[in-house]
Amino acid sequence: MHFSPAGRSGRVGKDTIVKLKCKWAEFVADESGATAIEYGLIAAGIALAIIEIIYALGTNLVAKLQALATALK
């Protein structure tokens, strides 16, 4: 059994098509989510940079402490 919108006989009116086109245009033009994504990518990049810096400094610090421990033996 097939039900058509608003009791019509399977035809979609021009007003419905115009409304759908307007909604689609609004959806395509909406950039509110893009800003949140951009901030998320920036935060992820900064976090990766901080992790790399800490890792590099940590490796260097471990090497220096091992050299110091060897020198003290």
PDB file of N, CA and C in Angstrom:
ATOM      1  N   MET A   1       0.849  -1.175   0.000  1.00  0.00           N
ATOM      2  CA  MET A   1       0.000   0.000   0.000  1.00  0.00           C
ATOM      3  C   MET A   1       0.891   1.233   0.000  1.00  0.00           C
ATOM      4  N   HIS A   2       0.608   2.182  -0.856  1.00  0.00           N
ATOM      5  CA  HIS A   2       1.436   3.373  -1.011  1.00  0.00           C
ATOM      6  C   HIS A   2       0.659   4.600  -0.539  1.00  0.00           C
ATOM      7  N   PHE A   3       1.287   5.328   0.387  1.00  0.00           N
ATOM      8  CA  PHE A   3       0.675   6.565   0.873  1.00  0.00           C
ATOM      9  C   PHE A   3       1.437   7.737   0.283  1.00  0.00           C
ATOM     10  N   SER A   4       0.743   8.688  -0.226  1.00  0.00           N
ATOM     11  CA  SER A   4       1.394   9.873  -0.777  1.00  0.00           C
ATOM     12  C   SER A   4       1.282  11.012   0.223  1.00  0.00           C
ATOM     13  N   PRO A   5       2.228  11.968   0.179  1.00  0.00           N
ATOM     14  CA  PRO A   5       2.201  13.070   1.133  1.00  0.00           C
ATOM     15  C   PRO A   5       0.941  13.918   0.999  1.00  0.00           C
ATOM     16  N   ALA A   6       0.390  14.262   2.121  1.00  0.00           N
ATOM     17  CA  ALA A   6      -0.778  15.159   2.206  1.00  0.00           C
ATOM     18  C   ALA A   6      -1.947  14.659   1.378  1.00  0.00           C
ATOM     19  N   GLY A   7      -2.064  13.351   1.214  1.00  0.00           N
ATOM     20  CA  GLY A   7      -3.209  12.797   0.513  1.00  0.00           C
ATOM     21  C   GLY A   7      -3.185  13.009  -0.985  1.00  0.00           C
ATOM     22  N   ARG A   8      -2.070  13.421  -1.525  1.00  0.00           N
ATOM     23  CA  ARG A   8      -1.987  13.646  -2.968  1.00  0.00           C
ATOM     24  C   ARG A   8      -1.842  12.318  -3.687  1.00  0.00           C
ATOM     25  N   SER A   9      -2.005  12.353  -4.951  1.00  0.00           N
ATOM     26  CA  SER A   9      -1.943  11.123  -5.733  1.00  0.00           C
ATOM     27  C   SER A   9      -0.539  10.888  -6.282  1.00  0.00           C
ATOM     28  N   GLY A  10       0.472  10.992  -5.436  1.00  0.00           N
ATOM     29  CA  GLY A  10       1.833  10.713  -5.871  1.00  0.00           C
ATOM     30  C   GLY A  10       2.560  11.895  -6.470  1.00  0.00           C
ATOM     31  N   ARG A  11       1.931  13.033  -6.572  1.00  0.00           N
ATOM     32  CA  ARG A  11       2.577  14.215  -7.141  1.00  0.00           C
ATOM     33  C   ARG A  11       3.093  15.107  -6.024  1.00  0.00           C
ATOM     34  N   VAL A  12       4.274  15.641  -6.242  1.00  0.00           N
ATOM     35  CA  VAL A  12       4.844  16.586  -5.293  1.00  0.00           C
ATOM     36  C   VAL A  12       4.655  17.972  -5.881  1.00  0.00           C
ATOM     37  N   GLY A  13       4.077  18.863  -5.096  1.00  0.00           N
ATOM     38  CA  GLY A  13       3.786  20.203  -5.586  1.00  0.00           C
ATOM     39  C   GLY A  13       5.026  21.060  -5.747  1.00  0.00           C
ATOM     40  N   LYS A  14       4.884  22.122  -6.527  1.00  0.00           N
ATOM     41  CA  LYS A  14       6.000  23.039  -6.758  1.00  0.00           C
ATOM     42  C   LYS A  14       6.463  23.688  -5.471  1.00  0.00           C
ATOM     43  N   ASP A  15       5.529  23.987  -4.574  1.00  0.00           N
ATOM     44  CA  ASP A  15       5.914  24.619  -3.313  1.00  0.00           C
ATOM     45  C   ASP A  15       6.817  23.701  -2.491  1.00  0.00           C
ATOM     46  N   THR A  16       6.568  22.411  -2.542  1.00  0.00           N
ATOM     47  CA  THR A  16       7.410  21.456  -1.823  1.00  0.00           C
ATOM     48  C   THR A  16       8.807  21.421  -2.422  1.00  0.00           C
ATOM     49  N   ILE A  17       8.897  21.435  -3.727  1.00  0.00           N
ATOM     50  CA  ILE A  17      10.198  21.424  -4.402  1.00  0.00           C
ATOM     51  C   ILE A  17      10.964  22.702  -4.091  1.00  0.00           C
ATOM     52  N   VAL A  18      10.269  23.836  -4.096  1.00  0.00           N
ATOM     53  CA  VAL A  18      10.916  25.109  -3.781  1.00  0.00           C
ATOM     54  C   VAL A  18      11.420  25.096  -2.340  1.00  0.00           C
ATOM     55  N   LYS A  19      10.620  24.578  -1.423  1.00  0.00           N
ATOM     56  CA  LYS A  19      11.044  24.492  -0.020  1.00  0.00           C
ATOM     57  C   LYS A  19      12.269  23.597   0.128  1.00  0.00           C
ATOM     58  N   LEU A  20      12.266  22.468  -0.577  1.00  0.00           N
ATOM     59  CA  LEU A  20      13.417  21.566  -0.517  1.00  0.00           C
ATOM     60  C   LEU A  20      14.672  22.229  -1.074  1.00  0.00           C
ATOM     61  N   LYS A  21      14.525  22.968  -2.167  1.00  0.00           N
ATOM     62  CA  LYS A  21      15.672  23.673  -2.749  1.00  0.00           C
ATOM     63  C   LYS A  21      16.207  24.726  -1.784  1.00  0.00           C
ATOM     64  N   CYS A  22      15.302  25.444  -1.122  1.00  0.00           N
ATOM     65  CA  CYS A  22      15.727  26.461  -0.151  1.00  0.00           C
ATOM     66  C   CYS A  22      16.443  25.822   1.033  1.00  0.00           C
ATOM     67  N   LYS A  23      15.902  24.723   1.541  1.00  0.00           N
ATOM     68  CA  LYS A  23      16.543  24.030   2.662  1.00  0.00           C
ATOM     69  C   LYS A  23      17.919  23.506   2.255  1.00  0.00           C
ATOM     70  N   TRP A  24      18.022  22.973   1.036  1.00  0.00           N
ATOM     71  CA  TRP A  24      19.307  22.465   0.552  1.00  0.00           C
ATOM     72  C   TRP A  24      20.313  23.606   0.435  1.00  0.00           C
ATOM     73  N   ALA A  25      19.894  24.745  -0.070  1.00  0.00           N
ATOM     74  CA  ALA A  25      20.786  25.902  -0.196  1.00  0.00           C
ATOM     75  C   ALA A  25      21.246  26.380   1.180  1.00  0.00           C
ATOM     76  N   GLU A  26      20.353  26.392   2.155  1.00  0.00           N
ATOM     77  CA  GLU A  26      20.726  26.774   3.523  1.00  0.00           C
ATOM     78  C   GLU A  26      21.739  25.791   4.098  1.00  0.00           C
ATOM     79  N   PHE A  27      21.515  24.508   3.858  1.00  0.00           N
ATOM     80  CA  PHE A  27      22.423  23.477   4.367  1.00  0.00           C
ATOM     81  C   PHE A  27      23.815  23.624   3.758  1.00  0.00           C
ATOM     82  N   VAL A  28      23.884  23.850   2.466  1.00  0.00           N
ATOM     83  CA  VAL A  28      25.175  23.988   1.782  1.00  0.00           C
ATOM     84  C   VAL A  28      25.898  25.247   2.243  1.00  0.00           C
ATOM     85  N   ALA A  29      25.167  26.328   2.498  1.00  0.00           N
ATOM     86  CA  ALA A  29      25.782  27.597   2.895  1.00  0.00           C
ATOM     87  C   ALA A  29      26.164  27.637   4.373  1.00  0.00           C
ATOM     88  N   ASP A  30      25.638  26.719   5.179  1.00  0.00           N
ATOM     89  CA  ASP A  30      25.902  26.725   6.622  1.00  0.00           C
ATOM     90  C   ASP A  30      27.349  26.337   6.901  1.00  0.00           C
ATOM     91  N   GLU A  31      28.078  27.213   7.580  1.00  0.00           N
ATOM     92  CA  GLU A  31      29.481  26.971   7.894  1.00  0.00           C
ATOM     93  C   GLU A  31      29.723  26.887   9.398  1.00  0.00           C
ATOM     94  N   SER A  32      28.694  26.753  10.194  1.00  0.00           N
ATOM     95  CA  SER A  32      28.866  26.753  11.647  1.00  0.00           C
ATOM     96  C   SER A  32      29.673  25.554  12.129  1.00  0.00           C
ATOM     97  N   GLY A  33      29.512  24.413  11.523  1.00  0.00           N
ATOM     98  CA  GLY A  33      30.279  23.240  11.919  1.00  0.00           C
ATOM     99  C   GLY A  33      31.724  23.311  11.482  1.00  0.00           C
ATOM    100  N   ALA A  34      31.993  24.031  10.399  1.00  0.00           N
ATOM    101  CA  ALA A  34      33.356  24.127   9.882  1.00  0.00           C
ATOM    102  C   ALA A  34      34.276  24.810  10.884  1.00  0.00           C
ATOM    103  N   THR A  35      33.789  25.808  11.577  1.00  0.00           N
ATOM    104  CA  THR A  35      34.610  26.518  12.562  1.00  0.00           C
ATOM    105  C   THR A  35      35.009  25.585  13.697  1.00  0.00           C
ATOM    106  N   ALA A  36      34.090  24.793  14.178  1.00  0.00           N
ATOM    107  CA  ALA A  36      34.398  23.849  15.255  1.00  0.00           C
ATOM    108  C   ALA A  36      35.431  22.831  14.801  1.00  0.00           C
ATOM    109  N   ILE A  37      35.305  22.368  13.576  1.00  0.00           N
ATOM    110  CA  ILE A  37      36.272  21.408  13.041  1.00  0.00           C
ATOM    111  C   ILE A  37      37.644  22.051  12.923  1.00  0.00           C
ATOM    112  N   GLU A  38      37.693  23.291  12.463  1.00  0.00           N
ATOM    113  CA  GLU A  38      38.978  23.989  12.339  1.00  0.00           C
ATOM    114  C   GLU A  38      39.646  24.144  13.701  1.00  0.00           C
ATOM    115  N   TYR A  39      38.888  24.537  14.709  1.00  0.00           N
ATOM    116  CA  TYR A  39      39.457  24.661  16.055  1.00  0.00           C
ATOM    117  C   TYR A  39      39.931  23.307  16.573  1.00  0.00           C
ATOM    118  N   GLY A  40      39.197  22.265  16.283  1.00  0.00           N
ATOM    119  CA  GLY A  40      39.604  20.920  16.685  1.00  0.00           C
ATOM    120  C   GLY A  40      40.911  20.504  16.038  1.00  0.00           C
ATOM    121  N   LEU A  41      41.063  20.807  14.750  1.00  0.00           N
ATOM    122  CA  LEU A  41      42.311  20.476  14.053  1.00  0.00           C
ATOM    123  C   LEU A  41      43.482  21.283  14.600  1.00  0.00           C
ATOM    124  N   ILE A  42      43.241  22.547  14.907  1.00  0.00           N
ATOM    125  CA  ILE A  42      44.305  23.382  15.488  1.00  0.00           C
ATOM    126  C   ILE A  42      44.716  22.823  16.849  1.00  0.00           C
ATOM    127  N   ALA A  43      43.740  22.471  17.677  1.00  0.00           N
ATOM    128  CA  ALA A  43      44.046  21.913  19.000  1.00  0.00           C
ATOM    129  C   ALA A  43      44.809  20.598  18.879  1.00  0.00           C
ATOM    130  N   ALA A  44      44.427  19.761  17.924  1.00  0.00           N
ATOM    131  CA  ALA A  44      45.126  18.489  17.722  1.00  0.00           C
ATOM    132  C   ALA A  44      46.565  18.731  17.279  1.00  0.00           C
ATOM    133  N   GLY A  45      46.777  19.705  16.400  1.00  0.00           N
ATOM    134  CA  GLY A  45      48.133  20.034  15.954  1.00  0.00           C
ATOM    135  C   GLY A  45      49.001  20.538  17.090  1.00  0.00           C
ATOM    136  N   ILE A  46      48.435  21.395  17.921  1.00  0.00           N
ATOM    137  CA  ILE A  46      49.189  21.919  19.071  1.00  0.00           C
ATOM    138  C   ILE A  46      49.516  20.785  20.042  1.00  0.00           C
ATOM    139  N   ALA A  47      48.556  19.894  20.277  1.00  0.00           N
ATOM    140  CA  ALA A  47      48.793  18.765  21.181  1.00  0.00           C
ATOM    141  C   ALA A  47      49.907  17.872  20.650  1.00  0.00           C
ATOM    142  N   LEU A  48      49.904  17.604  19.348  1.00  0.00           N
ATOM    143  CA  LEU A  48      50.972  16.785  18.763  1.00  0.00           C
ATOM    144  C   LEU A  48      52.329  17.461  18.894  1.00  0.00           C
ATOM    145  N   ALA A  49      52.370  18.770  18.686  1.00  0.00           N
ATOM    146  CA  ALA A  49      53.633  19.503  18.826  1.00  0.00           C
ATOM    147  C   ALA A  49      54.145  19.422  20.261  1.00  0.00           C
ATOM    148  N   ILE A  50      53.264  19.579  21.228  1.00  0.00           N
ATOM    149  CA  ILE A  50      53.663  19.503  22.639  1.00  0.00           C
ATOM    150  C   ILE A  50      54.179  18.103  22.972  1.00  0.00           C
ATOM    151  N   ILE A  51      53.495  17.089  22.485  1.00  0.00           N
ATOM    152  CA  ILE A  51      53.929  15.710  22.742  1.00  0.00           C
ATOM    153  C   ILE A  51      55.315  15.463  22.147  1.00  0.00           C
ATOM    154  N   GLU A  52      55.553  15.939  20.930  1.00  0.00           N
ATOM    155  CA  GLU A  52      56.863  15.763  20.289  1.00  0.00           C
ATOM    156  C   GLU A  52      57.958  16.480  21.069  1.00  0.00           C
ATOM    157  N   ILE A  53      57.669  17.689  21.532  1.00  0.00           N
ATOM    158  CA  ILE A  53      58.665  18.456  22.300  1.00  0.00           C
ATOM    159  C   ILE A  53      58.989  17.735  23.606  1.00  0.00           C
ATOM    160  N   ILE A  54      57.966  17.277  24.301  1.00  0.00           N
ATOM    161  CA  ILE A  54      58.188  16.567  25.567  1.00  0.00           C
ATOM    162  C   ILE A  54      58.966  15.280  25.325  1.00  0.00           C
ATOM    163  N   TYR A  55      58.622  14.565  24.266  1.00  0.00           N
ATOM    164  CA  TYR A  55      59.326  13.319  23.946  1.00  0.00           C
ATOM    165  C   TYR A  55      60.796  13.599  23.637  1.00  0.00           C
ATOM    166  N   ALA A  56      61.058  14.627  22.839  1.00  0.00           N
ATOM    167  CA  ALA A  56      62.443  14.967  22.484  1.00  0.00           C
ATOM    168  C   ALA A  56      63.228  15.403  23.720  1.00  0.00           C
ATOM    169  N   LEU A  57      62.648  16.242  24.542  1.00  0.00           N
ATOM    170  CA  LEU A  57      63.326  16.687  25.761  1.00  0.00           C
ATOM    171  C   LEU A  57      63.513  15.532  26.738  1.00  0.00           C
ATOM    172  N   GLY A  58      62.534  14.668  26.828  1.00  0.00           N
ATOM    173  CA  GLY A  58      62.623  13.523  27.729  1.00  0.00           C
ATOM    174  C   GLY A  58      63.739  12.578  27.328  1.00  0.00           C
ATOM    175  N   THR A  59      63.872  12.306  26.039  1.00  0.00           N
ATOM    176  CA  THR A  59      64.937  11.431  25.548  1.00  0.00           C
ATOM    177  C   THR A  59      66.294  12.048  25.832  1.00  0.00           C
ATOM    178  N   ASN A  60      66.417  13.328  25.593  1.00  0.00           N
ATOM    179  CA  ASN A  60      67.670  14.036  25.850  1.00  0.00           C
ATOM    180  C   ASN A  60      67.991  14.031  27.344  1.00  0.00           C
ATOM    181  N   LEU A  61      66.999  14.241  28.165  1.00  0.00           N
ATOM    182  CA  LEU A  61      67.191  14.262  29.615  1.00  0.00           C
ATOM    183  C   LEU A  61      67.624  12.890  30.126  1.00  0.00           C
ATOM    184  N   VAL A  62      67.022  11.833  29.625  1.00  0.00           N
ATOM    185  CA  VAL A  62      67.391  10.475  30.030  1.00  0.00           C
ATOM    186  C   VAL A  62      68.840  10.199  29.665  1.00  0.00           C
ATOM    187  N   ALA A  63      69.250  10.603  28.474  1.00  0.00           N
ATOM    188  CA  ALA A  63      70.635  10.385  28.048  1.00  0.00           C
ATOM    189  C   ALA A  63      71.607  11.124  28.965  1.00  0.00           C
ATOM    190  N   LYS A  64      71.275  12.350  29.324  1.00  0.00           N
ATOM    191  CA  LYS A  64      72.153  13.124  30.214  1.00  0.00           C
ATOM    192  C   LYS A  64      72.217  12.506  31.611  1.00  0.00           C
ATOM    193  N   LEU A  65      71.091  12.040  32.122  1.00  0.00           N
ATOM    194  CA  LEU A  65      71.076  11.415  33.442  1.00  0.00           C
ATOM    195  C   LEU A  65      71.853  10.097  33.439  1.00  0.00           C
ATOM    196  N   GLN A  66      71.774   9.350  32.354  1.00  0.00           N
ATOM    197  CA  GLN A  66      72.539   8.107  32.259  1.00  0.00           C
ATOM    198  C   GLN A  66      74.038   8.400  32.203  1.00  0.00           C
ATOM    199  N   ALA A  67      74.410   9.438  31.469  1.00  0.00           N
ATOM    200  CA  ALA A  67      75.825   9.826  31.407  1.00  0.00           C
ATOM    201  C   ALA A  67      76.310  10.263  32.783  1.00  0.00           C
ATOM    202  N   LEU A  68      75.489  10.992  33.502  1.00  0.00           N
ATOM    203  CA  LEU A  68      75.843  11.424  34.852  1.00  0.00           C
ATOM    204  C   LEU A  68      75.991  10.227  35.793  1.00  0.00           C
ATOM    205  N   ALA A  69      75.072   9.276  35.696  1.00  0.00           N
ATOM    206  CA  ALA A  69      75.130   8.079  36.538  1.00  0.00           C
ATOM    207  C   ALA A  69      76.381   7.263  36.226  1.00  0.00           C
ATOM    208  N   THR A  70      76.723   7.173  34.953  1.00  0.00           N
ATOM    209  CA  THR A  70      77.932   6.444  34.559  1.00  0.00           C
ATOM    210  C   THR A  70      79.175   7.147  35.090  1.00  0.00           C
ATOM    211  N   ALA A  71      79.185   8.455  35.032  1.00  0.00           N
ATOM    212  CA  ALA A  71      80.340   9.226  35.508  1.00  0.00           C
ATOM    213  C   ALA A  71      80.496   9.106  37.017  1.00  0.00           C
ATOM    214  N   LEU A  72      79.400   8.957  37.739  1.00  0.00           N
ATOM    215  CA  LEU A  72      79.463   8.863  39.197  1.00  0.00           C
ATOM    216  C   LEU A  72      79.878   7.476  39.685  1.00  0.00           C
ATOM    217  N   LYS A  73      79.823   6.469  38.841  1.00  0.00           N
ATOM    218  CA  LYS A  73      80.182   5.100  39.261  1.00  0.00           C
ATOM    219  C   LYS A  73      81.642   4.945  39.491  1.00  0.00           C
TER     220      LYS A  73
END
